[in-house]
Amino acid sequence: MPTLLDILIIDDDEAFASVLARTCRRRGLQPACAQNGDEALALLRERQQAEAELPPPRIVLDLKLGQQSGLMLIEPILDLAPEALIVILTGYSSIATAVEAVKLGAVQYLCKPATVDEILAAFEHTEGDADVALPENPLSVDRMEWEYIQRTLAQHQGNISATARALGMHRRTLQRKLYKRPARQ
């Protein structure tokens, strides 16, 4: 009989992943945690090779795993677990990364802080909603700058030096801007 695994949590914040896993267990789910892409892919390969073990149907993937982008993991994860639903969870949200995540195969993109209820509900809400409320105010100048930087970074496949050249700024200045939390909308 296959070992049941309901949800895989891929997050480099060990405390957050542990709390999320514990809360999932309280709700009757069987979670597993991985702190980086290599651990997650190894776990999925292990389950695939065991044949008796099914891949997890739900995966929570942090966008920023140390120096690695969670976006780079979406395709390899879906190769190993094609039926899995992936929800991206991030404290570094941007329109550019949200669009890329969905293009690559994620079903939802949530900004931290998100409650466990919101995370679990994201797996159920996989269809688009044309009735979503439009924002009442335009983005702030700081937020527009953050979005523009993220879009340019995505165009240069995450290469900081190439992005800095394209933006006409020093690489270290760009790095400082990227390490800051994004401006509120």
Protein backbone atom coordinates (compact mmCIF):
# COMPACT_ATOMS: atom_id res chain seq x y z
CA MET A 1 0.00 0.00 0.00
CA PRO A 2 1.42 3.43 -0.93
CA THR A 3 2.61 5.81 1.75
CA LEU A 4 0.33 8.81 1.73
CA LEU A 5 1.84 12.27 1.44
CA ASP A 6 -0.75 15.06 1.10
CA ILE A 7 1.45 18.14 0.92
CA LEU A 8 5.11 18.98 0.35
CA ILE A 9 6.36 22.22 1.89
CA ILE A 10 9.51 23.62 0.27
CA ASP A 11 10.77 26.56 2.31
CA ASP A 12 14.21 27.52 3.62
CA ASP A 13 12.65 29.06 6.75
CA GLU A 14 12.74 25.98 8.97
CA ALA A 15 10.51 27.49 11.67
CA PHE A 16 7.82 28.52 9.18
CA ALA A 17 7.88 25.13 7.43
CA SER A 18 7.65 23.33 10.78
CA VAL A 19 4.65 25.40 11.93
CA LEU A 20 2.90 24.93 8.58
CA ALA A 21 3.54 21.15 8.69
CA ARG A 22 2.27 20.89 12.27
CA THR A 23 -0.89 22.81 11.37
CA CYS A 24 -1.44 20.56 8.34
CA ARG A 25 -1.10 17.47 10.58
CA ARG A 26 -3.75 18.90 12.91
CA ARG A 27 -6.07 19.11 9.91
CA GLY A 28 -5.53 15.47 9.06
CA LEU A 29 -2.98 15.97 6.28
CA GLN A 30 0.35 14.15 5.95
CA PRO A 31 3.04 16.79 5.24
CA ALA A 32 6.71 16.55 4.33
CA CYS A 33 9.22 19.41 4.35
CA ALA A 34 12.26 20.24 2.23
CA GLN A 35 14.51 23.21 2.87
CA ASN A 36 15.85 23.59 -0.65
CA GLY A 37 15.33 22.49 -4.22
CA ASP A 38 17.77 19.59 -4.05
CA GLU A 39 16.00 18.08 -1.03
CA ALA A 40 12.59 18.50 -2.65
CA LEU A 41 13.62 16.95 -5.96
CA ALA A 42 15.39 14.08 -4.15
CA LEU A 43 12.22 13.36 -2.16
CA LEU A 44 10.10 13.39 -5.32
CA ARG A 45 12.58 11.13 -7.19
CA GLU A 46 12.61 8.74 -4.23
CA ARG A 47 8.82 8.50 -4.30
CA GLN A 48 8.82 8.06 -8.07
CA GLN A 49 11.37 5.23 -7.93
CA ALA A 50 9.52 3.48 -5.10
CA GLU A 51 6.51 3.17 -7.47
CA ALA A 52 4.31 2.18 -4.52
CA GLU A 53 4.52 5.74 -3.18
CA LEU A 54 2.48 8.44 -4.83
CA PRO A 55 3.82 11.99 -5.35
CA PRO A 56 2.20 14.66 -3.19
CA PRO A 57 -0.84 16.25 -4.85
CA ARG A 58 -0.10 19.67 -3.29
CA ILE A 59 3.18 21.56 -3.07
CA VAL A 60 3.83 24.84 -1.28
CA LEU A 61 6.94 26.41 -2.82
CA ASP A 62 8.74 29.45 -1.43
CA LEU A 63 9.79 31.86 -4.17
CA LYS A 64 13.13 32.65 -2.54
CA LEU A 65 15.07 29.63 -1.29
CA GLY A 66 18.32 31.16 -0.08
CA GLN A 67 20.04 32.29 -3.26
CA GLN A 68 17.87 30.02 -5.44
CA SER A 69 14.63 31.04 -7.12
CA GLY A 70 11.67 28.77 -6.54
CA LEU A 71 10.62 29.52 -10.13
CA MET A 72 13.53 27.34 -11.31
CA LEU A 73 11.99 24.37 -9.49
CA ILE A 74 8.50 24.45 -10.97
CA GLU A 75 9.29 22.57 -14.19
CA PRO A 76 11.48 19.86 -12.57
CA ILE A 77 8.81 19.35 -9.89
CA LEU A 78 6.08 18.97 -12.51
CA ASP A 79 8.28 16.52 -14.45
CA LEU A 80 8.43 14.31 -11.34
CA ALA A 81 4.87 14.96 -10.13
CA PRO A 82 2.80 16.05 -13.17
CA GLU A 83 -0.52 16.01 -11.32
CA ALA A 84 0.72 18.15 -8.42
CA LEU A 85 -0.77 21.57 -7.76
CA ILE A 86 1.90 24.16 -6.88
CA VAL A 87 1.22 27.26 -4.81
CA ILE A 88 4.02 29.83 -4.70
CA LEU A 89 4.36 31.57 -1.34
CA THR A 90 6.57 34.63 -1.02
CA GLY A 91 7.48 37.67 1.00
CA TYR A 92 9.05 39.15 -2.15
CA SER A 93 6.02 39.40 -4.38
CA SER A 94 5.97 41.12 -7.72
CA ILE A 95 3.74 41.07 -10.76
CA ALA A 96 6.62 39.76 -12.91
CA THR A 97 7.29 36.73 -10.68
CA ALA A 98 3.56 36.01 -10.31
CA VAL A 99 3.10 35.97 -14.08
CA GLU A 100 6.18 33.78 -14.59
CA ALA A 101 5.08 31.36 -11.85
CA VAL A 102 1.71 30.84 -13.50
CA LYS A 103 3.27 30.50 -16.97
CA LEU A 104 5.62 27.83 -15.59
CA GLY A 105 2.75 25.84 -14.07
CA ALA A 106 1.94 27.12 -10.58
CA VAL A 107 -1.78 27.32 -9.86
CA GLN A 108 -1.63 30.14 -7.30
CA TYR A 109 0.73 32.81 -6.00
CA LEU A 110 0.31 34.03 -2.41
CA CYS A 111 2.06 36.82 -0.56
CA LYS A 112 3.33 36.27 2.97
CA PRO A 113 2.00 36.51 5.52
CA ALA A 114 -0.67 34.00 4.51
CA THR A 115 -2.70 31.91 6.89
CA VAL A 116 -2.88 28.14 6.63
CA ASP A 117 -6.52 28.50 5.60
CA GLU A 118 -5.50 30.81 2.73
CA ILE A 119 -2.76 28.42 1.63
CA LEU A 120 -5.04 25.38 1.65
CA ALA A 121 -7.84 27.34 -0.05
CA ALA A 122 -5.41 28.32 -2.83
CA PHE A 123 -5.24 24.66 -3.89
CA GLU A 124 -9.01 24.62 -4.32
CA HIS A 125 -9.17 27.87 -6.28
CA THR A 126 -7.37 26.94 -9.50
CA GLU A 127 -9.65 28.67 -12.00
CA GLY A 128 -9.47 32.35 -12.92
CA ASP A 129 -11.99 34.86 -11.53
CA ALA A 130 -13.12 37.62 -13.89
CA ASP A 131 -15.01 39.27 -11.02
CA VAL A 132 -11.91 40.02 -8.96
CA ALA A 133 -12.01 43.53 -7.50
CA LEU A 134 -9.90 46.15 -9.22
CA PRO A 135 -7.58 48.26 -7.05
CA GLU A 136 -8.92 51.69 -6.17
CA ASN A 137 -5.52 53.42 -6.25
CA PRO A 138 -2.63 53.15 -8.70
CA LEU A 139 0.68 51.66 -7.52
CA SER A 140 2.99 53.92 -5.53
CA VAL A 141 6.18 55.14 -7.20
CA ASP A 142 8.24 52.85 -4.93
CA ARG A 143 6.08 49.87 -5.85
CA MET A 144 6.31 50.70 -9.58
CA GLU A 145 10.10 50.82 -9.25
CA TRP A 146 10.07 47.39 -7.51
CA GLU A 147 7.86 45.94 -10.25
CA TYR A 148 10.05 47.38 -13.01
CA ILE A 149 13.19 45.94 -11.39
CA GLN A 150 11.51 42.53 -11.03
CA ARG A 151 10.36 42.55 -14.66
CA THR A 152 13.85 43.49 -15.86
CA LEU A 153 15.40 40.83 -13.60
CA ALA A 154 13.06 38.21 -15.09
CA GLN A 155 14.01 39.33 -18.63
CA HIS A 156 17.65 38.69 -17.74
CA GLN A 157 16.94 35.25 -16.18
CA GLY A 158 17.85 36.48 -12.69
CA ASN A 159 21.31 37.73 -13.69
CA ILE A 160 22.03 40.65 -11.33
CA SER A 161 24.92 42.11 -13.37
CA ALA A 162 22.98 42.08 -16.66
CA THR A 163 19.93 43.56 -14.94
CA ALA A 164 22.02 46.34 -13.36
CA ARG A 165 23.50 47.20 -16.77
CA ALA A 166 20.03 47.26 -18.34
CA LEU A 167 18.75 49.53 -15.57
CA GLY A 168 21.81 51.77 -15.71
CA MET A 169 22.68 51.30 -12.05
CA HIS A 170 25.58 49.88 -10.10
CA ARG A 171 25.27 46.16 -9.33
CA ARG A 172 25.61 46.70 -5.58
CA THR A 173 22.86 49.33 -5.61
CA LEU A 174 20.58 46.85 -7.35
CA GLN A 175 21.50 44.15 -4.82
CA ARG A 176 20.60 46.47 -1.93
CA LYS A 177 17.24 47.24 -3.54
CA LEU A 178 16.55 43.53 -4.07
CA TYR A 179 17.34 42.64 -0.45
CA LYS A 180 14.77 45.12 0.82
CA ARG A 181 11.20 44.05 1.17
CA PRO A 182 9.01 45.24 -1.71
CA ALA A 183 7.20 48.52 -1.28
CA ARG A 184 3.53 48.25 -0.30
CA GLN A 185 1.03 48.81 -3.04
